[in-house]
Amino acid sequence: MRGSSPAIALACRYRARDRPVIAVDDDGPGVSAVDLERLGQRFFRPSGSPGGGSGLGLSIGVSAVKAHGGAVRFAPSALGGLRVELHGFTLRRRLSGSVSDHN
């Protein structure tokens, strides 16, 4: 509907001994099956993309997830738009000193 807010759903799944999976779904126009295969490639912009941009944003995000040992999966969303899943990454923060040193 025109003027309505877009729907976005965020889910996180984590079980003992597994790595996390974060999924983001939206109800936007989605991406064609052909374009889904190329999402995340440098300088790629799906057909029908709004003006502006260089096609680097998703590729930078994919590279960051891969640098942390993970993977990114793009798929059609149950909401009608795009689903992005981040799989198997690890984020570690090394703390030095006591917890009170970081407050």
C-alpha atoms as a PDB file:
ATOM      1  CA  MET A   1       0.000   0.000   0.000  1.00  0.00           C
ATOM      2  CA  ARG A   2       1.196   3.441  -0.793  1.00  0.00           C
ATOM      3  CA  GLY A   3       2.228   5.329   2.318  1.00  0.00           C
ATOM      4  CA  SER A   4       2.454   2.255   4.509  1.00  0.00           C
ATOM      5  CA  SER A   5       5.648   1.425   6.349  1.00  0.00           C
ATOM      6  CA  PRO A   6       7.804  -1.380   4.970  1.00  0.00           C
ATOM      7  CA  ALA A   7       7.811  -4.623   6.933  1.00  0.00           C
ATOM      8  CA  ILE A   8      11.155  -5.956   8.094  1.00  0.00           C
ATOM      9  CA  ALA A   9      11.594  -9.093  10.175  1.00  0.00           C
ATOM     10  CA  LEU A  10      14.797  -9.944  12.039  1.00  0.00           C
ATOM     11  CA  ALA A  11      15.503 -13.374  13.514  1.00  0.00           C
ATOM     12  CA  CYS A  12      18.543 -14.807  15.284  1.00  0.00           C
ATOM     13  CA  ARG A  13      19.064 -18.508  15.925  1.00  0.00           C
ATOM     14  CA  TYR A  14      21.793 -19.837  18.166  1.00  0.00           C
ATOM     15  CA  ARG A  15      22.118 -23.202  19.835  1.00  0.00           C
ATOM     16  CA  ALA A  16      24.885 -24.636  21.978  1.00  0.00           C
ATOM     17  CA  ARG A  17      27.809 -25.809  19.819  1.00  0.00           C
ATOM     18  CA  ASP A  18      26.351 -24.072  16.746  1.00  0.00           C
ATOM     19  CA  ARG A  19      27.300 -20.772  15.292  1.00  0.00           C
ATOM     20  CA  PRO A  20      24.633 -18.074  15.000  1.00  0.00           C
ATOM     21  CA  VAL A  21      22.335 -17.532  12.039  1.00  0.00           C
ATOM     22  CA  ILE A  22      20.864 -14.065  11.592  1.00  0.00           C
ATOM     23  CA  ALA A  23      18.067 -13.634   9.050  1.00  0.00           C
ATOM     24  CA  VAL A  24      16.562 -10.388   7.774  1.00  0.00           C
ATOM     25  CA  ASP A  25      13.384 -10.432   5.652  1.00  0.00           C
ATOM     26  CA  ASP A  26      11.582  -7.543   3.999  1.00  0.00           C
ATOM     27  CA  ASP A  27       8.423  -7.014   1.967  1.00  0.00           C
ATOM     28  CA  GLY A  28      10.067  -4.920  -0.751  1.00  0.00           C
ATOM     29  CA  PRO A  29       9.989  -5.650  -4.475  1.00  0.00           C
ATOM     30  CA  GLY A  30      12.476  -8.514  -4.138  1.00  0.00           C
ATOM     31  CA  VAL A  31      15.184  -9.537  -6.582  1.00  0.00           C
ATOM     32  CA  SER A  32      14.889 -11.753  -9.670  1.00  0.00           C
ATOM     33  CA  ALA A  33      16.290 -15.288  -9.550  1.00  0.00           C
ATOM     34  CA  VAL A  34      19.008 -14.290 -12.033  1.00  0.00           C
ATOM     35  CA  ASP A  35      20.034 -11.292  -9.924  1.00  0.00           C
ATOM     36  CA  LEU A  36      19.980 -13.333  -6.669  1.00  0.00           C
ATOM     37  CA  GLU A  37      22.921 -15.362  -7.984  1.00  0.00           C
ATOM     38  CA  ARG A  38      25.002 -12.205  -8.441  1.00  0.00           C
ATOM     39  CA  LEU A  39      24.101 -10.302  -5.255  1.00  0.00           C
ATOM     40  CA  GLY A  40      27.219  -9.573  -3.251  1.00  0.00           C
ATOM     41  CA  GLN A  41      29.510  -9.370  -6.273  1.00  0.00           C
ATOM     42  CA  ARG A  42      31.525  -6.179  -6.559  1.00  0.00           C
ATOM     43  CA  PHE A  43      29.921  -3.455  -8.693  1.00  0.00           C
ATOM     44  CA  PHE A  44      26.767  -5.502  -9.326  1.00  0.00           C
ATOM     45  CA  ARG A  45      23.445  -3.675  -9.099  1.00  0.00           C
ATOM     46  CA  PRO A  46      20.204  -5.632  -9.637  1.00  0.00           C
ATOM     47  CA  SER A  47      17.930  -4.578 -12.479  1.00  0.00           C
ATOM     48  CA  GLY A  48      15.425  -1.974 -11.344  1.00  0.00           C
ATOM     49  CA  SER A  49      17.706  -0.631  -8.591  1.00  0.00           C
ATOM     50  CA  PRO A  50      17.068   2.993  -7.659  1.00  0.00           C
ATOM     51  CA  GLY A  51      19.595   5.542  -8.932  1.00  0.00           C
ATOM     52  CA  GLY A  52      22.868   6.147  -7.154  1.00  0.00           C
ATOM     53  CA  GLY A  53      25.252   3.704  -5.601  1.00  0.00           C
ATOM     54  CA  SER A  54      28.170   1.843  -7.061  1.00  0.00           C
ATOM     55  CA  GLY A  55      27.256  -1.754  -6.283  1.00  0.00           C
ATOM     56  CA  LEU A  56      29.852  -2.112  -3.534  1.00  0.00           C
ATOM     57  CA  GLY A  57      27.740  -2.070  -0.349  1.00  0.00           C
ATOM     58  CA  LEU A  58      26.645  -5.702  -0.319  1.00  0.00           C
ATOM     59  CA  SER A  59      30.053  -6.939  -1.478  1.00  0.00           C
ATOM     60  CA  ILE A  60      31.711  -5.129   1.443  1.00  0.00           C
ATOM     61  CA  GLY A  61      29.207  -6.689   3.852  1.00  0.00           C
ATOM     62  CA  VAL A  62      29.738 -10.166   2.389  1.00  0.00           C
ATOM     63  CA  SER A  63      33.520  -9.732   2.669  1.00  0.00           C
ATOM     64  CA  ALA A  64      33.215  -8.703   6.327  1.00  0.00           C
ATOM     65  CA  VAL A  65      31.103 -11.759   7.187  1.00  0.00           C
ATOM     66  CA  LYS A  66      33.550 -14.046   5.330  1.00  0.00           C
ATOM     67  CA  ALA A  67      36.471 -12.449   7.212  1.00  0.00           C
ATOM     68  CA  HIS A  68      34.790 -13.628  10.432  1.00  0.00           C
ATOM     69  CA  GLY A  69      34.399 -17.201   9.160  1.00  0.00           C
ATOM     70  CA  GLY A  70      30.829 -16.893   7.924  1.00  0.00           C
ATOM     71  CA  ALA A  71      28.755 -16.948   4.777  1.00  0.00           C
ATOM     72  CA  VAL A  72      25.893 -14.897   3.359  1.00  0.00           C
ATOM     73  CA  ARG A  73      22.872 -16.385   1.618  1.00  0.00           C
ATOM     74  CA  PHE A  74      20.318 -14.385  -0.404  1.00  0.00           C
ATOM     75  CA  ALA A  75      16.852 -15.818  -1.103  1.00  0.00           C
ATOM     76  CA  PRO A  76      13.271 -14.745  -1.724  1.00  0.00           C
ATOM     77  CA  SER A  77      11.511 -13.753   1.493  1.00  0.00           C
ATOM     78  CA  ALA A  78       8.238 -15.190   2.777  1.00  0.00           C
ATOM     79  CA  LEU A  79       7.229 -11.526   3.175  1.00  0.00           C
ATOM     80  CA  GLY A  80       7.527 -11.060  -0.609  1.00  0.00           C
ATOM     81  CA  GLY A  81      10.869  -9.241  -0.762  1.00  0.00           C
ATOM     82  CA  LEU A  82      14.420 -10.331  -0.044  1.00  0.00           C
ATOM     83  CA  ARG A  83      15.797 -12.607   2.692  1.00  0.00           C
ATOM     84  CA  VAL A  84      19.433 -12.225   3.760  1.00  0.00           C
ATOM     85  CA  GLU A  85      20.943 -14.865   6.042  1.00  0.00           C
ATOM     86  CA  LEU A  86      24.290 -14.544   7.818  1.00  0.00           C
ATOM     87  CA  HIS A  87      25.639 -17.993   8.717  1.00  0.00           C
ATOM     88  CA  GLY A  88      28.434 -19.286  10.883  1.00  0.00           C
ATOM     89  CA  PHE A  89      30.420 -16.165  11.668  1.00  0.00           C
ATOM     90  CA  THR A  90      32.224 -15.608  14.934  1.00  0.00           C
ATOM     91  CA  LEU A  91      32.707 -12.331  16.692  1.00  0.00           C
ATOM     92  CA  ARG A  92      35.243 -12.211  19.460  1.00  0.00           C
ATOM     93  CA  ARG A  93      36.197  -9.403  21.711  1.00  0.00           C
ATOM     94  CA  ARG A  94      39.238  -9.750  23.878  1.00  0.00           C
ATOM     95  CA  LEU A  95      38.896  -8.004  27.199  1.00  0.00           C
ATOM     96  CA  SER A  96      41.852  -6.948  29.251  1.00  0.00           C
ATOM     97  CA  GLY A  97      41.567  -6.129  32.925  1.00  0.00           C
ATOM     98  CA  SER A  98      38.380  -6.341  34.877  1.00  0.00           C
ATOM     99  CA  VAL A  99      34.875  -5.746  33.603  1.00  0.00           C
ATOM    100  CA  SER A 100      34.729  -2.502  35.590  1.00  0.00           C
ATOM    101  CA  ASP A 101      37.593  -1.146  33.441  1.00  0.00           C
ATOM    102  CA  HIS A 102      35.226  -1.070  30.453  1.00  0.00           C
ATOM    103  CA  ASN A 103      32.249   0.754  32.001  1.00  0.00           C
END
